[in-house]
C-alpha atoms as a PDB file:
ATOM      1  CA  MET A   1     -81.484  -3.344 -41.437  1.00  0.00           C
ATOM      2  CA  VAL A   2     -83.767  -0.862 -43.108  1.00  0.00           C
ATOM      3  CA  GLU A   3     -83.816   0.602 -46.594  1.00  0.00           C
ATOM      4  CA  LEU A   4     -82.917   4.272 -46.937  1.00  0.00           C
ATOM      5  CA  TYR A   5     -82.218   6.484 -49.917  1.00  0.00           C
ATOM      6  CA  MET A   6     -78.694   7.884 -50.023  1.00  0.00           C
ATOM      7  CA  ASN A   7     -79.820  11.514 -49.858  1.00  0.00           C
ATOM      8  CA  LYS A   8     -81.421  10.813 -46.450  1.00  0.00           C
ATOM      9  CA  LEU A   9     -78.168   9.735 -44.748  1.00  0.00           C
ATOM     10  CA  GLU A  10     -76.932  11.989 -41.972  1.00  0.00           C
ATOM     11  CA  PRO A  11     -73.273  13.130 -41.953  1.00  0.00           C
ATOM     12  CA  GLY A  12     -70.982  10.434 -40.538  1.00  0.00           C
ATOM     13  CA  ARG A  13     -73.492   7.597 -41.175  1.00  0.00           C
ATOM     14  CA  LYS A  14     -72.837   4.626 -43.457  1.00  0.00           C
ATOM     15  CA  GLY A  15     -74.894   2.376 -45.680  1.00  0.00           C
ATOM     16  CA  THR A  16     -74.374  -0.306 -48.308  1.00  0.00           C
ATOM     17  CA  ILE A  17     -75.759   0.173 -51.806  1.00  0.00           C
ATOM     18  CA  ARG A  18     -78.642  -2.179 -52.525  1.00  0.00           C
ATOM     19  CA  ARG A  19     -79.591  -0.819 -55.964  1.00  0.00           C
ATOM     20  CA  ILE A  20     -79.366   2.186 -58.254  1.00  0.00           C
ATOM     21  CA  GLU A  21     -82.686   3.363 -59.668  1.00  0.00           C
ATOM     22  CA  ALA A  22     -81.214   6.025 -61.987  1.00  0.00           C
ATOM     23  CA  LYS A  23     -81.452   5.442 -65.732  1.00  0.00           C
ATOM     24  CA  GLY A  24     -79.294   6.147 -68.766  1.00  0.00           C
ATOM     25  CA  SER A  25     -76.242   8.363 -68.622  1.00  0.00           C
ATOM     26  CA  VAL A  26     -76.758   9.256 -64.938  1.00  0.00           C
ATOM     27  CA  ARG A  27     -76.652   5.563 -64.006  1.00  0.00           C
ATOM     28  CA  GLN A  28     -73.533   5.047 -66.117  1.00  0.00           C
ATOM     29  CA  ARG A  29     -71.786   8.052 -64.528  1.00  0.00           C
ATOM     30  CA  MET A  30     -72.610   6.763 -61.049  1.00  0.00           C
ATOM     31  CA  ALA A  31     -71.186   3.336 -61.889  1.00  0.00           C
ATOM     32  CA  GLU A  32     -68.011   4.979 -63.206  1.00  0.00           C
ATOM     33  CA  MET A  33     -67.680   6.779 -59.850  1.00  0.00           C
ATOM     34  CA  GLY A  34     -67.842   3.446 -58.004  1.00  0.00           C
ATOM     35  CA  LEU A  35     -71.496   3.503 -56.999  1.00  0.00           C
ATOM     36  CA  THR A  36     -72.398  -0.141 -57.536  1.00  0.00           C
ATOM     37  CA  SER A  37     -74.334  -2.729 -55.538  1.00  0.00           C
ATOM     38  CA  GLY A  38     -72.471  -3.773 -52.404  1.00  0.00           C
ATOM     39  CA  ALA A  39     -70.302  -0.645 -52.123  1.00  0.00           C
ATOM     40  CA  GLU A  40     -70.190   1.028 -48.708  1.00  0.00           C
ATOM     41  CA  VAL A  41     -71.121   4.726 -48.688  1.00  0.00           C
ATOM     42  CA  THR A  42     -70.423   7.266 -45.933  1.00  0.00           C
ATOM     43  CA  MET A  43     -72.122  10.667 -45.895  1.00  0.00           C
ATOM     44  CA  VAL A  44     -69.409  13.282 -45.377  1.00  0.00           C
ATOM     45  CA  CYS A  45     -71.358  16.559 -45.462  1.00  0.00           C
ATOM     46  CA  ARG A  46     -74.103  18.612 -47.047  1.00  0.00           C
ATOM     47  CA  ALA A  47     -73.681  22.011 -48.668  1.00  0.00           C
ATOM     48  CA  PRO A  48     -75.369  24.883 -46.816  1.00  0.00           C
ATOM     49  CA  MET A  49     -78.509  24.662 -48.977  1.00  0.00           C
ATOM     50  CA  ASN A  50     -78.478  20.808 -48.821  1.00  0.00           C
ATOM     51  CA  ASP A  51     -77.284  20.483 -52.406  1.00  0.00           C
ATOM     52  CA  PRO A  52     -74.814  19.077 -53.383  1.00  0.00           C
ATOM     53  CA  LEU A  53     -73.971  16.217 -51.022  1.00  0.00           C
ATOM     54  CA  GLU A  54     -70.488  14.788 -50.400  1.00  0.00           C
ATOM     55  CA  PHE A  55     -69.914  11.051 -49.887  1.00  0.00           C
ATOM     56  CA  LEU A  56     -66.959   8.745 -49.332  1.00  0.00           C
ATOM     57  CA  VAL A  57     -67.129   5.709 -51.651  1.00  0.00           C
ATOM     58  CA  ARG A  58     -64.302   3.189 -52.153  1.00  0.00           C
ATOM     59  CA  GLY A  59     -61.798   5.630 -50.622  1.00  0.00           C
ATOM     60  CA  TYR A  60     -62.795   8.559 -52.865  1.00  0.00           C
ATOM     61  CA  HIS A  61     -64.806  11.682 -52.091  1.00  0.00           C
ATOM     62  CA  ILE A  62     -67.619  12.212 -54.577  1.00  0.00           C
ATOM     63  CA  THR A  63     -70.266  14.900 -54.849  1.00  0.00           C
ATOM     64  CA  LEU A  64     -73.813  14.278 -56.059  1.00  0.00           C
ATOM     65  CA  ARG A  65     -76.896  16.391 -56.436  1.00  0.00           C
ATOM     66  CA  ASP A  66     -79.653  15.603 -53.960  1.00  0.00           C
ATOM     67  CA  SER A  67     -81.855  14.374 -56.826  1.00  0.00           C
ATOM     68  CA  GLU A  68     -79.135  11.946 -57.986  1.00  0.00           C
ATOM     69  CA  ALA A  69     -78.521  10.601 -54.478  1.00  0.00           C
ATOM     70  CA  ALA A  70     -82.289  10.048 -54.164  1.00  0.00           C
ATOM     71  CA  THR A  71     -82.015   7.286 -56.802  1.00  0.00           C
ATOM     72  CA  VAL A  72     -79.602   5.165 -54.737  1.00  0.00           C
ATOM     73  CA  LEU A  73     -81.232   2.747 -52.281  1.00  0.00           C
ATOM     74  CA  LEU A  74     -79.092   1.660 -49.315  1.00  0.00           C
ATOM     75  CA  ASP A  75     -79.210  -1.003 -46.658  1.00  0.00           C
ATOM     76  CA  TYR A  76     -78.814   0.992 -43.459  1.00  0.00           C
ATOM     77  CA  LYS A  77     -78.234  -0.248 -39.941  1.00  0.00           C
ATOM     78  CA  GLU A  78     -79.879   2.073 -37.432  1.00  0.00           C
ATOM     79  CA  GLY A  79     -78.068   2.995 -34.253  1.00  0.00           C
END
């Protein structure tokens, strides 16, 4: 496995959250959306200008800004 930031996932690919590097209210909001260590994340799609990004987490579709997704480090299995 390799480490990869969530904003670098390609559509249809999955990873498992290793850690959240965001601070303060952004970190709290992410936790409330289910983004916690060990959760599996699937990239659904990117908006035409690459922002925002849509993910599937714990059975829910969530949307994050690219800058927010860049604070989430994943364990990613290549291939």
